[in-house]
Protein backbone atom coordinates (compact mmCIF):
# COMPACT_ATOMS: atom_id res chain seq x y z
CA UNK A 1 130.99 13.90 -2.44
CA UNK A 2 131.88 15.12 0.97
CA UNK A 3 129.08 16.21 3.38
CA UNK A 4 129.44 18.32 6.47
CA UNK A 5 127.89 16.94 9.64
CA UNK A 6 124.68 18.77 10.61
CA UNK A 7 125.19 21.69 12.97
CA UNK A 8 123.61 21.45 16.35
CA UNK A 9 122.02 24.38 18.08
CA UNK A 10 124.30 25.54 20.95
CA UNK A 11 121.43 25.30 23.45
CA UNK A 12 121.04 21.60 22.64
CA UNK A 13 124.72 20.74 23.01
CA UNK A 14 125.71 22.92 25.96
CA UNK A 15 125.03 21.83 29.55
CA UNK A 16 122.04 23.43 31.29
CA UNK A 17 122.73 26.66 33.16
CA UNK A 18 123.29 26.39 36.91
CA UNK A 19 120.14 26.59 39.00
CA UNK A 20 119.35 29.94 40.54
CA UNK A 21 118.93 29.55 44.34
CA UNK A 22 116.16 32.18 44.30
CA UNK A 23 114.04 30.24 41.78
CA UNK A 24 111.82 27.43 42.98
CA UNK A 25 111.36 24.70 40.40
CA UNK A 26 108.09 22.84 40.84
CA UNK A 27 107.58 19.24 39.74
CA UNK A 28 105.49 18.56 36.66
CA UNK A 29 101.85 17.89 37.49
CA UNK A 30 98.89 16.51 35.60
CA UNK A 31 95.51 17.92 36.62
CA UNK A 32 92.64 15.62 35.79
CA UNK A 33 89.76 17.66 37.23
CA UNK A 34 87.35 19.13 34.72
CA UNK A 35 86.65 22.86 34.50
CA UNK A 36 83.18 24.18 34.98
CA UNK A 37 81.43 24.16 31.62
CA UNK A 38 80.54 27.87 31.55
CA UNK A 39 81.00 31.21 33.20
CA UNK A 40 78.24 30.94 35.82
CA UNK A 41 78.66 33.01 38.99
CA UNK A 42 76.08 30.82 40.77
CA UNK A 43 77.84 27.51 40.07
CA UNK A 44 79.08 27.20 43.65
CA UNK A 45 75.85 28.32 45.33
CA UNK A 46 73.16 25.98 46.60
CA UNK A 47 69.66 25.93 45.13
CA UNK A 48 68.16 27.67 48.17
CA UNK A 49 70.72 30.49 48.07
CA UNK A 50 70.14 31.03 44.34
CA UNK A 51 66.39 31.18 44.97
CA UNK A 52 66.91 33.73 47.76
CA UNK A 53 69.15 35.77 45.47
CA UNK A 54 66.48 35.65 42.73
CA UNK A 55 63.72 36.69 45.14
CA UNK A 56 65.79 39.61 46.46
CA UNK A 57 66.52 40.80 42.91
CA UNK A 58 62.87 40.40 41.92
CA UNK A 59 61.60 42.29 44.96
CA UNK A 60 64.29 44.96 44.49
CA UNK A 61 63.13 45.57 40.93
CA UNK A 62 59.67 46.66 42.15
CA UNK A 63 58.21 49.38 44.30
CA UNK A 64 56.45 48.40 47.53
CA UNK A 65 53.05 48.73 45.86
CA UNK A 66 54.11 46.60 42.88
CA UNK A 67 55.49 43.97 45.25
CA UNK A 68 52.27 43.92 47.29
CA UNK A 69 50.22 43.47 44.12
CA UNK A 70 52.57 40.87 42.59
CA UNK A 71 52.96 38.87 45.79
CA UNK A 72 49.42 37.55 45.56
CA UNK A 73 48.57 34.96 42.96
CA UNK A 74 45.77 32.61 41.99
CA UNK A 75 47.21 29.10 41.57
CA UNK A 76 45.13 28.18 38.53
CA UNK A 77 45.84 31.39 36.64
CA UNK A 78 49.35 32.54 37.56
CA UNK A 79 52.67 31.30 38.85
CA UNK A 80 53.82 32.02 42.42
CA UNK A 81 56.27 34.88 42.98
CA UNK A 82 59.15 32.45 43.56
CA UNK A 83 58.72 30.97 40.08
CA UNK A 84 58.39 34.40 38.46
CA UNK A 85 61.45 35.60 40.40
CA UNK A 86 63.54 32.63 39.23
CA UNK A 87 62.43 33.13 35.61
CA UNK A 88 63.30 36.84 35.77
CA UNK A 89 66.66 36.02 37.37
CA UNK A 90 67.55 33.43 34.70
CA UNK A 91 66.43 35.85 31.98
CA UNK A 92 68.65 38.62 33.35
CA UNK A 93 71.60 36.22 33.58
CA UNK A 94 71.07 35.18 29.95
CA UNK A 95 70.87 38.83 28.87
CA UNK A 96 74.09 39.60 30.76
CA UNK A 97 75.86 36.66 29.07
CA UNK A 98 74.69 37.83 25.63
CA UNK A 99 75.97 41.31 26.43
CA UNK A 100 79.33 39.84 27.51
CA UNK A 101 79.60 37.84 24.29
CA UNK A 102 78.70 40.89 22.21
CA UNK A 103 81.49 42.84 23.92
CA UNK A 104 83.95 40.06 23.08
CA UNK A 105 82.75 39.97 19.46
CA UNK A 106 83.11 43.76 19.21
CA UNK A 107 86.69 43.49 20.49
CA UNK A 108 87.45 40.72 17.98
CA UNK A 109 85.88 42.85 15.24
CA UNK A 110 88.53 45.53 15.80
CA UNK A 111 91.27 43.17 14.64
CA UNK A 112 89.41 40.61 12.50
CA UNK A 113 86.06 41.86 11.11
CA UNK A 114 85.40 38.68 9.10
CA UNK A 115 85.68 36.50 12.20
CA UNK A 116 83.37 38.86 14.09
CA UNK A 117 80.74 38.46 11.36
CA UNK A 118 81.04 34.66 11.64
CA UNK A 119 80.63 34.84 15.41
CA UNK A 120 77.57 37.10 15.12
CA UNK A 121 76.03 34.61 12.68
CA UNK A 122 76.76 31.78 15.12
CA UNK A 123 74.94 33.70 17.88
CA UNK A 124 71.88 34.34 15.71
CA UNK A 125 68.99 32.47 17.41
CA UNK A 126 67.09 32.08 14.13
CA UNK A 127 69.92 29.92 12.75
CA UNK A 128 70.09 27.49 15.65
CA UNK A 129 69.30 23.85 14.89
CA UNK A 130 65.69 22.89 15.58
CA UNK A 131 64.89 20.23 18.18
CA UNK A 132 62.72 17.40 16.92
């Protein structure tokens, strides 16, 4: 039996096209730096700057009277305003991230409702693994 030789794709057998003088060809690079693990806007800020940002947000969320009343604390019975401000700031960041993820899941649900249901189940805090 006689067999024909396999056909080659013309792009594989023809010489490469001439280089365009207006196109800059960059060398191949390997980047070994790691990305930041999450979408945190404060990742590049120092601890002091984050604390100042938290205090400004905490004070801005109150009236002058509320701030005057909340500024005072009894060390044995309550946390200082800086600790409460940081906790409120972290809580608002977590709520914003949950809102962002819900928006993404809603967008995914428009094209793939089954996958959106799986993602909502994965975000359910009652189904998270328990720490021992």
